[in-house]
N, C-alpha and C. Protein backbone atom coordinates (compact mmCIF):
# COMPACT_ATOMS: atom_id res chain seq x y z
N MET A 1 -29.72 -70.87 -69.69
CA MET A 1 -30.11 -70.63 -68.29
C MET A 1 -30.13 -71.95 -67.51
N SER A 2 -29.41 -72.01 -66.40
CA SER A 2 -29.35 -73.22 -65.60
C SER A 2 -30.49 -73.24 -64.57
N ILE A 3 -31.32 -74.28 -64.63
CA ILE A 3 -32.42 -74.41 -63.68
C ILE A 3 -31.88 -74.58 -62.27
N ALA A 4 -30.79 -75.36 -62.13
CA ALA A 4 -30.19 -75.56 -60.81
C ALA A 4 -29.72 -74.23 -60.23
N LYS A 5 -29.13 -73.37 -61.08
CA LYS A 5 -28.65 -72.08 -60.60
C LYS A 5 -29.81 -71.19 -60.16
N GLU A 6 -30.91 -71.22 -60.93
CA GLU A 6 -32.08 -70.42 -60.55
C GLU A 6 -32.66 -70.87 -59.22
N PHE A 7 -32.55 -72.17 -58.95
CA PHE A 7 -33.06 -72.69 -57.68
C PHE A 7 -32.13 -72.33 -56.52
N THR A 8 -30.83 -72.58 -56.69
CA THR A 8 -29.90 -72.43 -55.57
C THR A 8 -29.62 -70.98 -55.20
N LYS A 9 -29.85 -70.04 -56.13
CA LYS A 9 -29.55 -68.64 -55.81
C LYS A 9 -30.42 -68.14 -54.65
N GLY A 10 -31.63 -68.68 -54.52
CA GLY A 10 -32.52 -68.26 -53.44
C GLY A 10 -32.12 -68.80 -52.08
N LEU A 11 -31.21 -69.77 -52.06
CA LEU A 11 -30.78 -70.36 -50.80
C LEU A 11 -29.61 -69.60 -50.16
N TRP A 12 -28.96 -68.73 -50.95
CA TRP A 12 -27.88 -67.92 -50.38
C TRP A 12 -27.72 -66.57 -51.08
N GLU A 13 -27.53 -66.60 -52.38
CA GLU A 13 -27.20 -65.38 -53.13
C GLU A 13 -28.24 -64.28 -52.94
N ILE A 14 -29.53 -64.64 -53.01
CA ILE A 14 -30.59 -63.64 -52.85
C ILE A 14 -31.57 -64.08 -51.76
N ILE A 15 -31.06 -64.71 -50.71
CA ILE A 15 -31.95 -65.16 -49.62
C ILE A 15 -32.70 -63.95 -49.07
N PRO A 16 -34.03 -63.98 -49.09
CA PRO A 16 -34.82 -62.75 -48.93
C PRO A 16 -34.55 -61.89 -47.70
N PRO A 17 -34.67 -62.40 -46.47
CA PRO A 17 -34.55 -61.47 -45.34
C PRO A 17 -33.13 -60.93 -45.12
N PHE A 18 -32.14 -61.71 -45.50
CA PHE A 18 -30.77 -61.37 -45.14
C PHE A 18 -29.94 -60.80 -46.29
N ARG A 19 -30.34 -61.04 -47.54
CA ARG A 19 -29.58 -60.52 -48.68
C ARG A 19 -30.38 -59.45 -49.42
N LEU A 20 -31.65 -59.75 -49.70
CA LEU A 20 -32.50 -58.75 -50.34
C LEU A 20 -33.11 -57.79 -49.32
N VAL A 21 -33.13 -58.21 -48.06
CA VAL A 21 -33.76 -57.46 -46.97
C VAL A 21 -35.21 -57.13 -47.34
N LEU A 22 -35.93 -58.16 -47.75
CA LEU A 22 -37.36 -58.04 -48.08
C LEU A 22 -38.16 -58.98 -47.18
N GLY A 23 -39.45 -58.71 -47.08
CA GLY A 23 -40.32 -59.56 -46.27
C GLY A 23 -40.01 -59.45 -44.78
N LEU A 24 -39.56 -58.27 -44.34
CA LEU A 24 -39.15 -58.13 -42.94
C LEU A 24 -40.33 -58.07 -41.97
N CYS A 25 -41.49 -57.67 -42.44
CA CYS A 25 -42.65 -57.58 -41.54
C CYS A 25 -43.00 -58.96 -40.96
N PRO A 26 -43.24 -59.98 -41.80
CA PRO A 26 -43.48 -61.31 -41.22
C PRO A 26 -42.24 -61.89 -40.55
N THR A 27 -41.07 -61.56 -41.08
CA THR A 27 -39.83 -62.06 -40.48
C THR A 27 -39.72 -61.63 -39.02
N LEU A 28 -40.06 -60.40 -38.74
CA LEU A 28 -39.97 -59.88 -37.37
C LEU A 28 -41.16 -60.31 -36.53
N ALA A 29 -42.33 -60.40 -37.14
CA ALA A 29 -43.56 -60.57 -36.36
C ALA A 29 -43.86 -62.01 -35.96
N VAL A 30 -43.59 -62.98 -36.83
CA VAL A 30 -44.06 -64.34 -36.57
C VAL A 30 -42.98 -65.28 -36.07
N THR A 31 -41.73 -64.82 -35.99
CA THR A 31 -40.65 -65.74 -35.64
C THR A 31 -40.43 -65.87 -34.14
N THR A 32 -41.51 -65.93 -33.38
CA THR A 32 -41.38 -66.17 -31.94
C THR A 32 -41.14 -67.64 -31.65
N SER A 33 -41.32 -68.49 -32.67
CA SER A 33 -41.04 -69.91 -32.52
C SER A 33 -40.66 -70.48 -33.87
N ALA A 34 -39.97 -71.62 -33.86
CA ALA A 34 -39.57 -72.28 -35.10
C ALA A 34 -40.79 -72.73 -35.88
N GLU A 35 -41.82 -73.21 -35.18
CA GLU A 35 -43.03 -73.68 -35.85
C GLU A 35 -43.72 -72.55 -36.61
N ASN A 36 -43.85 -71.40 -35.97
CA ASN A 36 -44.48 -70.26 -36.64
C ASN A 36 -43.67 -69.82 -37.86
N GLY A 37 -42.35 -69.77 -37.71
CA GLY A 37 -41.50 -69.39 -38.82
C GLY A 37 -41.61 -70.35 -39.98
N MET A 38 -41.58 -71.65 -39.68
CA MET A 38 -41.71 -72.66 -40.72
C MET A 38 -43.06 -72.58 -41.41
N GLY A 39 -44.13 -72.41 -40.63
CA GLY A 39 -45.47 -72.33 -41.21
C GLY A 39 -45.63 -71.14 -42.13
N MET A 40 -45.14 -69.98 -41.69
CA MET A 40 -45.23 -68.77 -42.51
C MET A 40 -44.40 -68.93 -43.77
N GLY A 41 -43.21 -69.52 -43.64
CA GLY A 41 -42.36 -69.71 -44.80
C GLY A 41 -42.96 -70.64 -45.83
N LEU A 42 -43.56 -71.74 -45.39
CA LEU A 42 -44.16 -72.69 -46.32
C LEU A 42 -45.39 -72.09 -47.01
N ALA A 43 -46.19 -71.33 -46.26
CA ALA A 43 -47.35 -70.67 -46.87
C ALA A 43 -46.89 -69.69 -47.94
N THR A 44 -45.85 -68.93 -47.65
CA THR A 44 -45.32 -67.97 -48.62
C THR A 44 -44.73 -68.68 -49.83
N THR A 45 -44.05 -69.81 -49.59
CA THR A 45 -43.47 -70.58 -50.70
C THR A 45 -44.54 -71.09 -51.65
N PHE A 46 -45.64 -71.58 -51.09
CA PHE A 46 -46.74 -72.07 -51.93
C PHE A 46 -47.26 -70.96 -52.83
N VAL A 47 -47.51 -69.79 -52.24
CA VAL A 47 -48.02 -68.66 -53.02
C VAL A 47 -46.98 -68.21 -54.04
N LEU A 48 -45.73 -68.19 -53.65
CA LEU A 48 -44.66 -67.72 -54.54
C LEU A 48 -44.50 -68.63 -55.75
N VAL A 49 -44.47 -69.94 -55.54
CA VAL A 49 -44.29 -70.89 -56.64
C VAL A 49 -45.49 -70.84 -57.58
N CYS A 50 -46.70 -70.87 -57.02
CA CYS A 50 -47.90 -70.88 -57.86
C CYS A 50 -48.07 -69.58 -58.63
N SER A 51 -47.82 -68.45 -57.98
CA SER A 51 -47.96 -67.17 -58.67
C SER A 51 -46.88 -67.00 -59.73
N ASN A 52 -45.65 -67.44 -59.45
CA ASN A 52 -44.59 -67.39 -60.45
C ASN A 52 -44.98 -68.18 -61.70
N LEU A 53 -45.51 -69.37 -61.47
CA LEU A 53 -45.92 -70.23 -62.59
C LEU A 53 -47.00 -69.57 -63.42
N LEU A 54 -48.05 -69.06 -62.78
CA LEU A 54 -49.15 -68.47 -63.53
C LEU A 54 -48.74 -67.18 -64.22
N VAL A 55 -47.96 -66.36 -63.56
CA VAL A 55 -47.46 -65.12 -64.18
C VAL A 55 -46.63 -65.45 -65.41
N SER A 56 -45.79 -66.47 -65.30
CA SER A 56 -44.95 -66.87 -66.43
C SER A 56 -45.80 -67.36 -67.61
N LEU A 57 -46.82 -68.14 -67.31
CA LEU A 57 -47.69 -68.66 -68.37
C LEU A 57 -48.48 -67.55 -69.07
N LEU A 58 -48.81 -66.50 -68.30
CA LEU A 58 -49.65 -65.42 -68.85
C LEU A 58 -48.84 -64.18 -69.23
N ARG A 59 -47.52 -64.27 -69.19
CA ARG A 59 -46.70 -63.07 -69.37
C ARG A 59 -46.87 -62.41 -70.73
N LYS A 60 -47.21 -63.19 -71.75
CA LYS A 60 -47.38 -62.62 -73.10
C LYS A 60 -48.81 -62.16 -73.36
N ILE A 61 -49.68 -62.45 -72.41
CA ILE A 61 -51.10 -62.09 -72.55
C ILE A 61 -51.44 -60.84 -71.75
N ILE A 62 -50.85 -60.72 -70.57
CA ILE A 62 -51.15 -59.59 -69.68
C ILE A 62 -50.59 -58.30 -70.28
N PRO A 63 -51.41 -57.29 -70.50
CA PRO A 63 -50.91 -56.00 -71.02
C PRO A 63 -49.94 -55.36 -70.03
N SER A 64 -48.88 -54.77 -70.54
CA SER A 64 -47.84 -54.21 -69.68
C SER A 64 -48.37 -53.11 -68.76
N LYS A 65 -49.38 -52.36 -69.21
CA LYS A 65 -49.89 -51.25 -68.41
C LYS A 65 -50.62 -51.72 -67.15
N VAL A 66 -51.13 -52.92 -67.17
CA VAL A 66 -51.89 -53.41 -66.00
C VAL A 66 -51.22 -54.63 -65.36
N ARG A 67 -49.95 -54.84 -65.66
CA ARG A 67 -49.30 -56.07 -65.20
C ARG A 67 -49.23 -56.14 -63.67
N ILE A 68 -48.94 -55.01 -62.99
CA ILE A 68 -48.83 -55.04 -61.53
C ILE A 68 -50.17 -55.38 -60.90
N ALA A 69 -51.23 -54.77 -61.41
CA ALA A 69 -52.58 -55.07 -60.90
C ALA A 69 -52.92 -56.53 -61.14
N ALA A 70 -52.55 -57.04 -62.32
CA ALA A 70 -52.82 -58.45 -62.64
C ALA A 70 -52.03 -59.36 -61.72
N TYR A 71 -50.78 -59.01 -61.45
CA TYR A 71 -49.96 -59.82 -60.54
C TYR A 71 -50.57 -59.87 -59.15
N VAL A 72 -51.06 -58.74 -58.68
CA VAL A 72 -51.66 -58.69 -57.34
C VAL A 72 -52.90 -59.58 -57.27
N VAL A 73 -53.71 -59.56 -58.32
CA VAL A 73 -54.91 -60.42 -58.36
C VAL A 73 -54.51 -61.89 -58.33
N ILE A 74 -53.49 -62.24 -59.11
CA ILE A 74 -53.01 -63.63 -59.13
C ILE A 74 -52.51 -64.04 -57.75
N ILE A 75 -51.69 -63.20 -57.15
CA ILE A 75 -51.13 -63.50 -55.83
C ILE A 75 -52.24 -63.62 -54.79
N ALA A 76 -53.20 -62.69 -54.82
CA ALA A 76 -54.30 -62.70 -53.86
C ALA A 76 -55.13 -63.98 -53.98
N SER A 77 -55.30 -64.48 -55.19
CA SER A 77 -56.07 -65.72 -55.40
C SER A 77 -55.40 -66.89 -54.70
N PHE A 78 -54.10 -66.99 -54.82
CA PHE A 78 -53.39 -68.09 -54.17
C PHE A 78 -53.30 -67.90 -52.66
N VAL A 79 -53.28 -66.66 -52.19
CA VAL A 79 -53.30 -66.41 -50.75
C VAL A 79 -54.62 -66.89 -50.16
N VAL A 80 -55.72 -66.66 -50.85
CA VAL A 80 -57.03 -67.14 -50.38
C VAL A 80 -57.02 -68.67 -50.29
N ILE A 81 -56.42 -69.32 -51.30
CA ILE A 81 -56.34 -70.78 -51.29
C ILE A 81 -55.56 -71.28 -50.07
N VAL A 82 -54.37 -70.70 -49.85
CA VAL A 82 -53.54 -71.17 -48.73
C VAL A 82 -54.19 -70.82 -47.39
N GLU A 83 -54.91 -69.70 -47.32
CA GLU A 83 -55.60 -69.33 -46.09
C GLU A 83 -56.70 -70.33 -45.76
N LEU A 84 -57.48 -70.73 -46.76
CA LEU A 84 -58.55 -71.70 -46.55
C LEU A 84 -57.99 -73.08 -46.18
N MET A 85 -56.88 -73.45 -46.82
CA MET A 85 -56.25 -74.73 -46.50
C MET A 85 -55.74 -74.76 -45.07
N MET A 86 -55.16 -73.65 -44.61
CA MET A 86 -54.66 -73.59 -43.25
C MET A 86 -55.80 -73.59 -42.24
N GLN A 87 -56.89 -72.93 -42.57
CA GLN A 87 -58.06 -72.95 -41.69
C GLN A 87 -58.60 -74.37 -41.55
N ALA A 88 -58.53 -75.14 -42.64
CA ALA A 88 -59.09 -76.49 -42.63
C ALA A 88 -58.18 -77.51 -41.96
N TYR A 89 -56.86 -77.39 -42.17
CA TYR A 89 -55.95 -78.45 -41.76
C TYR A 89 -54.97 -78.08 -40.65
N THR A 90 -54.66 -76.81 -40.50
CA THR A 90 -53.69 -76.40 -39.46
C THR A 90 -54.24 -75.16 -38.74
N PHE A 91 -55.42 -75.31 -38.17
CA PHE A 91 -56.11 -74.15 -37.60
C PHE A 91 -55.33 -73.48 -36.45
N PRO A 92 -54.69 -74.24 -35.53
CA PRO A 92 -53.91 -73.57 -34.48
C PRO A 92 -52.79 -72.71 -35.06
N LEU A 93 -52.11 -73.22 -36.09
CA LEU A 93 -51.05 -72.43 -36.73
C LEU A 93 -51.64 -71.21 -37.42
N TYR A 94 -52.80 -71.38 -38.06
CA TYR A 94 -53.47 -70.25 -38.71
C TYR A 94 -53.80 -69.17 -37.69
N GLN A 95 -54.27 -69.57 -36.51
CA GLN A 95 -54.58 -68.60 -35.46
C GLN A 95 -53.31 -67.91 -34.96
N ALA A 96 -52.22 -68.66 -34.86
CA ALA A 96 -50.97 -68.08 -34.36
C ALA A 96 -50.41 -67.04 -35.33
N LEU A 97 -50.54 -67.32 -36.64
CA LEU A 97 -50.00 -66.40 -37.64
C LEU A 97 -50.92 -65.22 -37.88
N GLY A 98 -52.21 -65.42 -37.65
CA GLY A 98 -53.18 -64.33 -37.70
C GLY A 98 -53.20 -63.54 -39.00
N ILE A 99 -53.14 -62.22 -38.87
CA ILE A 99 -53.29 -61.30 -40.00
C ILE A 99 -52.17 -61.44 -41.02
N PHE A 100 -51.06 -62.07 -40.63
CA PHE A 100 -49.91 -62.13 -41.53
C PHE A 100 -50.11 -63.12 -42.69
N ILE A 101 -51.09 -64.00 -42.58
CA ILE A 101 -51.41 -64.86 -43.73
C ILE A 101 -52.04 -64.04 -44.86
N PRO A 102 -53.14 -63.31 -44.63
CA PRO A 102 -53.66 -62.48 -45.74
C PRO A 102 -52.69 -61.41 -46.20
N LEU A 103 -51.78 -60.98 -45.32
CA LEU A 103 -50.81 -59.95 -45.72
C LEU A 103 -49.73 -60.48 -46.65
N ILE A 104 -49.73 -61.78 -46.92
CA ILE A 104 -48.82 -62.32 -47.93
C ILE A 104 -49.06 -61.65 -49.28
N VAL A 105 -50.29 -61.19 -49.49
CA VAL A 105 -50.64 -60.51 -50.75
C VAL A 105 -49.70 -59.36 -51.03
N VAL A 106 -49.30 -58.63 -50.01
CA VAL A 106 -48.46 -57.45 -50.21
C VAL A 106 -47.00 -57.71 -49.85
N ASN A 107 -46.64 -58.97 -49.75
CA ASN A 107 -45.25 -59.31 -49.47
C ASN A 107 -44.38 -58.94 -50.67
N CYS A 108 -43.39 -58.10 -50.45
CA CYS A 108 -42.55 -57.60 -51.55
C CYS A 108 -41.77 -58.70 -52.25
N ILE A 109 -41.51 -59.80 -51.54
CA ILE A 109 -40.77 -60.90 -52.15
C ILE A 109 -41.56 -61.47 -53.32
N ILE A 110 -42.85 -61.72 -53.12
CA ILE A 110 -43.67 -62.38 -54.13
C ILE A 110 -43.89 -61.47 -55.33
N LEU A 111 -44.29 -60.24 -55.07
CA LEU A 111 -44.50 -59.30 -56.17
C LEU A 111 -43.19 -59.00 -56.89
N GLY A 112 -42.11 -58.94 -56.13
CA GLY A 112 -40.81 -58.66 -56.72
C GLY A 112 -40.35 -59.77 -57.65
N ARG A 113 -40.55 -61.03 -57.26
CA ARG A 113 -40.15 -62.14 -58.13
C ARG A 113 -41.05 -62.22 -59.37
N ALA A 114 -42.32 -61.88 -59.22
CA ALA A 114 -43.22 -61.86 -60.37
C ALA A 114 -42.77 -60.81 -61.38
N GLU A 115 -42.42 -59.64 -60.90
CA GLU A 115 -42.02 -58.54 -61.78
C GLU A 115 -40.62 -58.74 -62.34
N ALA A 116 -39.69 -59.15 -61.48
CA ALA A 116 -38.28 -59.23 -61.90
C ALA A 116 -37.95 -60.51 -62.65
N PHE A 117 -38.68 -61.59 -62.39
CA PHE A 117 -38.28 -62.87 -63.00
C PHE A 117 -39.40 -63.56 -63.77
N ALA A 118 -40.50 -63.89 -63.09
CA ALA A 118 -41.54 -64.70 -63.73
C ALA A 118 -42.14 -64.02 -64.95
N GLY A 119 -42.24 -62.69 -64.93
CA GLY A 119 -42.81 -61.96 -66.06
C GLY A 119 -41.89 -61.91 -67.26
N LYS A 120 -40.67 -62.44 -67.12
CA LYS A 120 -39.69 -62.38 -68.22
C LYS A 120 -39.12 -63.74 -68.60
N ASN A 121 -39.50 -64.79 -67.87
CA ASN A 121 -38.92 -66.11 -68.11
C ASN A 121 -39.99 -67.19 -68.20
N GLY A 122 -39.57 -68.36 -68.67
CA GLY A 122 -40.48 -69.48 -68.87
C GLY A 122 -40.94 -70.12 -67.57
N PRO A 123 -41.94 -71.01 -67.66
CA PRO A 123 -42.53 -71.60 -66.46
C PRO A 123 -41.58 -72.46 -65.63
N VAL A 124 -40.74 -73.26 -66.27
CA VAL A 124 -39.85 -74.14 -65.51
C VAL A 124 -38.86 -73.32 -64.69
N ALA A 125 -38.23 -72.35 -65.33
CA ALA A 125 -37.28 -71.48 -64.63
C ALA A 125 -37.99 -70.69 -63.53
N SER A 126 -39.22 -70.26 -63.79
CA SER A 126 -39.98 -69.49 -62.80
C SER A 126 -40.34 -70.33 -61.58
N ILE A 127 -40.66 -71.61 -61.80
CA ILE A 127 -40.93 -72.51 -60.68
C ILE A 127 -39.66 -72.69 -59.85
N ALA A 128 -38.53 -72.91 -60.54
CA ALA A 128 -37.25 -73.09 -59.83
C ALA A 128 -36.90 -71.84 -59.03
N ASP A 129 -37.11 -70.67 -59.62
CA ASP A 129 -36.84 -69.41 -58.93
C ASP A 129 -37.73 -69.28 -57.69
N GLY A 130 -39.03 -69.51 -57.86
CA GLY A 130 -39.96 -69.38 -56.75
C GLY A 130 -39.69 -70.38 -55.64
N LEU A 131 -39.36 -71.61 -56.03
CA LEU A 131 -39.10 -72.64 -55.03
C LEU A 131 -37.82 -72.34 -54.26
N GLY A 132 -36.78 -71.91 -54.96
CA GLY A 132 -35.51 -71.59 -54.28
C GLY A 132 -35.65 -70.42 -53.33
N VAL A 133 -36.26 -69.33 -53.82
CA VAL A 133 -36.44 -68.15 -52.96
C VAL A 133 -37.37 -68.47 -51.80
N GLY A 134 -38.43 -69.25 -52.07
CA GLY A 134 -39.37 -69.63 -51.01
C GLY A 134 -38.73 -70.49 -49.94
N LEU A 135 -37.93 -71.46 -50.35
CA LEU A 135 -37.26 -72.31 -49.37
C LEU A 135 -36.21 -71.51 -48.58
N GLY A 136 -35.53 -70.60 -49.28
CA GLY A 136 -34.58 -69.73 -48.57
C GLY A 136 -35.28 -68.90 -47.51
N PHE A 137 -36.46 -68.39 -47.84
CA PHE A 137 -37.26 -67.61 -46.90
C PHE A 137 -37.73 -68.48 -45.74
N THR A 138 -38.17 -69.71 -46.07
CA THR A 138 -38.65 -70.63 -45.04
C THR A 138 -37.54 -71.00 -44.07
N ILE A 139 -36.38 -71.34 -44.60
CA ILE A 139 -35.25 -71.70 -43.74
C ILE A 139 -34.85 -70.52 -42.85
N SER A 140 -34.85 -69.33 -43.44
CA SER A 140 -34.49 -68.13 -42.68
C SER A 140 -35.43 -67.93 -41.50
N LEU A 141 -36.74 -68.02 -41.77
CA LEU A 141 -37.73 -67.80 -40.70
C LEU A 141 -37.66 -68.91 -39.66
N ALA A 142 -37.46 -70.15 -40.09
CA ALA A 142 -37.41 -71.26 -39.14
C ALA A 142 -36.19 -71.15 -38.24
N VAL A 143 -35.04 -70.81 -38.81
CA VAL A 143 -33.81 -70.69 -38.01
C VAL A 143 -33.90 -69.50 -37.05
N LEU A 144 -34.40 -68.37 -37.57
CA LEU A 144 -34.57 -67.20 -36.72
C LEU A 144 -35.58 -67.48 -35.61
N GLY A 145 -36.68 -68.17 -35.96
CA GLY A 145 -37.68 -68.53 -34.96
C GLY A 145 -37.13 -69.48 -33.91
N ALA A 146 -36.31 -70.44 -34.34
CA ALA A 146 -35.70 -71.38 -33.40
C ALA A 146 -34.76 -70.65 -32.43
N PHE A 147 -33.98 -69.73 -32.97
CA PHE A 147 -33.05 -68.95 -32.16
C PHE A 147 -33.80 -68.16 -31.08
N ARG A 148 -34.86 -67.49 -31.48
CA ARG A 148 -35.64 -66.69 -30.52
C ARG A 148 -36.39 -67.57 -29.53
N GLU A 149 -36.89 -68.71 -30.01
CA GLU A 149 -37.64 -69.60 -29.13
C GLU A 149 -36.74 -70.21 -28.06
N ILE A 150 -35.54 -70.64 -28.48
CA ILE A 150 -34.61 -71.26 -27.53
C ILE A 150 -34.22 -70.27 -26.43
N LEU A 151 -33.86 -69.05 -26.84
CA LEU A 151 -33.43 -68.06 -25.85
C LEU A 151 -34.61 -67.47 -25.08
N GLY A 152 -35.71 -67.24 -25.77
CA GLY A 152 -36.82 -66.52 -25.16
C GLY A 152 -37.81 -67.38 -24.41
N SER A 153 -37.89 -68.68 -24.78
CA SER A 153 -38.85 -69.57 -24.10
C SER A 153 -38.19 -70.80 -23.50
N GLY A 154 -36.96 -71.08 -23.89
CA GLY A 154 -36.28 -72.27 -23.38
C GLY A 154 -36.79 -73.55 -24.00
N THR A 155 -37.43 -73.43 -25.18
CA THR A 155 -37.98 -74.61 -25.86
C THR A 155 -37.56 -74.60 -27.32
N LEU A 156 -37.78 -75.72 -28.00
CA LEU A 156 -37.61 -75.82 -29.44
C LEU A 156 -38.70 -76.73 -29.96
N TRP A 157 -39.53 -76.21 -30.88
CA TRP A 157 -40.72 -76.93 -31.36
C TRP A 157 -41.62 -77.32 -30.19
N GLY A 158 -41.65 -76.46 -29.17
CA GLY A 158 -42.52 -76.68 -28.02
C GLY A 158 -41.96 -77.62 -26.97
N GLN A 159 -40.78 -78.18 -27.19
CA GLN A 159 -40.19 -79.13 -26.25
C GLN A 159 -39.14 -78.42 -25.39
N GLY A 160 -39.22 -78.64 -24.08
CA GLY A 160 -38.28 -78.01 -23.17
C GLY A 160 -36.84 -78.48 -23.40
N LEU A 161 -35.89 -77.56 -23.30
CA LEU A 161 -34.48 -77.89 -23.56
C LEU A 161 -33.60 -77.78 -22.33
N PHE A 162 -34.03 -77.04 -21.33
CA PHE A 162 -33.14 -76.72 -20.22
C PHE A 162 -33.65 -77.33 -18.92
N TRP A 163 -32.86 -77.15 -17.88
CA TRP A 163 -33.14 -77.70 -16.58
C TRP A 163 -34.32 -77.00 -15.91
N GLU A 164 -34.87 -77.66 -14.92
CA GLU A 164 -35.98 -77.06 -14.16
C GLU A 164 -35.47 -75.83 -13.44
N GLY A 165 -36.21 -74.78 -13.51
CA GLY A 165 -35.81 -73.52 -12.88
C GLY A 165 -35.08 -72.58 -13.82
N PHE A 166 -34.86 -73.03 -15.05
CA PHE A 166 -34.21 -72.15 -16.03
C PHE A 166 -35.11 -70.95 -16.32
N GLU A 167 -34.51 -69.77 -16.30
CA GLU A 167 -35.26 -68.54 -16.57
C GLU A 167 -34.96 -68.08 -18.00
N PRO A 168 -35.91 -68.22 -18.90
CA PRO A 168 -35.65 -67.82 -20.30
C PRO A 168 -35.51 -66.30 -20.43
N PHE A 169 -34.81 -65.90 -21.46
CA PHE A 169 -34.58 -64.49 -21.75
C PHE A 169 -35.77 -63.99 -22.56
N THR A 170 -36.89 -63.69 -21.87
CA THR A 170 -38.16 -63.42 -22.54
C THR A 170 -38.11 -62.21 -23.48
N PHE A 171 -37.10 -61.37 -23.31
CA PHE A 171 -36.91 -60.23 -24.21
C PHE A 171 -36.87 -60.69 -25.67
N MET A 172 -36.32 -61.89 -25.93
CA MET A 172 -36.11 -62.36 -27.29
C MET A 172 -37.40 -62.72 -28.01
N VAL A 173 -38.49 -63.00 -27.31
CA VAL A 173 -39.75 -63.32 -27.98
C VAL A 173 -40.69 -62.11 -28.01
N ARG A 174 -40.16 -60.95 -27.63
CA ARG A 174 -40.92 -59.71 -27.74
C ARG A 174 -40.43 -58.92 -28.95
N ALA A 175 -41.17 -57.86 -29.26
CA ALA A 175 -40.86 -57.09 -30.48
C ALA A 175 -39.42 -56.59 -30.55
N PRO A 176 -38.87 -55.99 -29.48
CA PRO A 176 -37.47 -55.54 -29.57
C PRO A 176 -36.49 -56.68 -29.81
N GLY A 177 -36.80 -57.86 -29.25
CA GLY A 177 -35.93 -59.01 -29.45
C GLY A 177 -35.87 -59.45 -30.89
N ALA A 178 -36.96 -59.23 -31.62
CA ALA A 178 -36.97 -59.58 -33.05
C ALA A 178 -35.93 -58.76 -33.81
N PHE A 179 -35.85 -57.47 -33.49
CA PHE A 179 -34.87 -56.61 -34.16
C PHE A 179 -33.43 -56.98 -33.78
N VAL A 180 -33.23 -57.31 -32.51
CA VAL A 180 -31.90 -57.72 -32.07
C VAL A 180 -31.47 -59.00 -32.77
N ALA A 181 -32.37 -59.99 -32.81
CA ALA A 181 -32.06 -61.27 -33.46
C ALA A 181 -31.78 -61.07 -34.95
N LEU A 182 -32.62 -60.27 -35.60
CA LEU A 182 -32.40 -60.01 -37.03
C LEU A 182 -31.06 -59.33 -37.26
N GLY A 183 -30.72 -58.36 -36.41
CA GLY A 183 -29.45 -57.67 -36.54
C GLY A 183 -28.27 -58.62 -36.39
N LEU A 184 -28.36 -59.55 -35.43
CA LEU A 184 -27.29 -60.52 -35.24
C LEU A 184 -27.12 -61.42 -36.46
N PHE A 185 -28.25 -61.85 -37.02
CA PHE A 185 -28.19 -62.71 -38.20
C PHE A 185 -27.67 -61.96 -39.41
N LEU A 186 -28.09 -60.71 -39.57
CA LEU A 186 -27.58 -59.90 -40.69
C LEU A 186 -26.07 -59.70 -40.56
N ALA A 187 -25.60 -59.45 -39.35
CA ALA A 187 -24.16 -59.28 -39.13
C ALA A 187 -23.41 -60.56 -39.47
N ALA A 188 -23.96 -61.71 -39.05
CA ALA A 188 -23.30 -62.99 -39.33
C ALA A 188 -23.26 -63.28 -40.83
N ILE A 189 -24.37 -63.02 -41.53
CA ILE A 189 -24.42 -63.26 -42.97
C ILE A 189 -23.43 -62.35 -43.70
N ASN A 190 -23.38 -61.08 -43.30
CA ASN A 190 -22.45 -60.15 -43.93
C ASN A 190 -20.99 -60.55 -43.68
N LEU A 191 -20.71 -61.02 -42.49
CA LEU A 191 -19.35 -61.46 -42.16
C LEU A 191 -18.96 -62.67 -43.00
N ILE A 192 -19.87 -63.64 -43.11
CA ILE A 192 -19.59 -64.83 -43.91
C ILE A 192 -19.41 -64.46 -45.37
N SER A 193 -20.27 -63.57 -45.87
CA SER A 193 -20.17 -63.14 -47.28
C SER A 193 -18.84 -62.45 -47.55
N ALA A 194 -18.41 -61.59 -46.62
CA ALA A 194 -17.14 -60.88 -46.80
C ALA A 194 -15.98 -61.85 -46.83
N LYS A 195 -16.01 -62.87 -45.96
CA LYS A 195 -14.94 -63.86 -45.94
C LYS A 195 -14.92 -64.69 -47.22
N LEU A 196 -16.11 -65.05 -47.72
CA LEU A 196 -16.18 -65.81 -48.96
C LEU A 196 -15.66 -65.00 -50.15
N GLU A 197 -16.02 -63.72 -50.19
CA GLU A 197 -15.54 -62.85 -51.27
C GLU A 197 -14.02 -62.68 -51.20
N ASP A 198 -13.51 -62.54 -49.98
CA ASP A 198 -12.07 -62.40 -49.80
C ASP A 198 -11.34 -63.66 -50.24
N ARG A 199 -11.89 -64.81 -49.90
CA ARG A 199 -11.28 -66.08 -50.30
C ARG A 199 -11.33 -66.24 -51.82
N LYS A 200 -12.42 -65.80 -52.44
CA LYS A 200 -12.55 -65.89 -53.90
C LYS A 200 -11.52 -65.00 -54.58
N ARG A 201 -11.32 -63.78 -54.06
CA ARG A 201 -10.34 -62.86 -54.65
C ARG A 201 -8.92 -63.42 -54.53
N ARG A 202 -8.63 -64.03 -53.38
CA ARG A 202 -7.29 -64.60 -53.20
C ARG A 202 -7.06 -65.76 -54.16
N ALA A 203 -8.11 -66.56 -54.38
CA ALA A 203 -7.97 -67.70 -55.29
C ALA A 203 -7.74 -67.26 -56.72
N GLN A 204 -8.32 -66.10 -57.11
CA GLN A 204 -8.19 -65.60 -58.47
C GLN A 204 -6.86 -64.87 -58.70
N SER A 205 -6.26 -64.39 -57.61
CA SER A 205 -5.02 -63.61 -57.76
C SER A 205 -3.78 -64.51 -57.82
């Protein structure tokens, strides 16, 4: 098993919002700005890496009949840690993300990686898997948030980008705009994937 492969697969092959189509609730809700997207992604990455590691270490101890319940307890413990850390050090960001921080507990990405990977593999591979998928999720949210912020607010990381009198397309920072932006990104990812697969087939033929 290649550790590098386990890490890099989360950056494209199984990038959560666009390839696995998981974690869409925070993806749609918090990406009104690049900062919010980055903050949510990093918080999720912390929980994902730590829970993957602990699940992997305890995989031979946890009885199979209660493994899902045990995974949820492990994930919830790390969510409490990241929530308290954000309250202490990044309180404005914590307020902006609101209820979606505690809702990391039920994020399908984290529970899915615990069940599909960490519960069956060693700690080093599980850390690589969690870090790759987490960074892929973080990049996705940050880019999507930047796209919506630029069009919907005329700013990036809170800094103005356009001329005085520019009227931002405020639709993009509202709920319907989240679906439109996600659809555009999904279409772009699918188009790129199709072209890469076509190029691969031509190279093999």
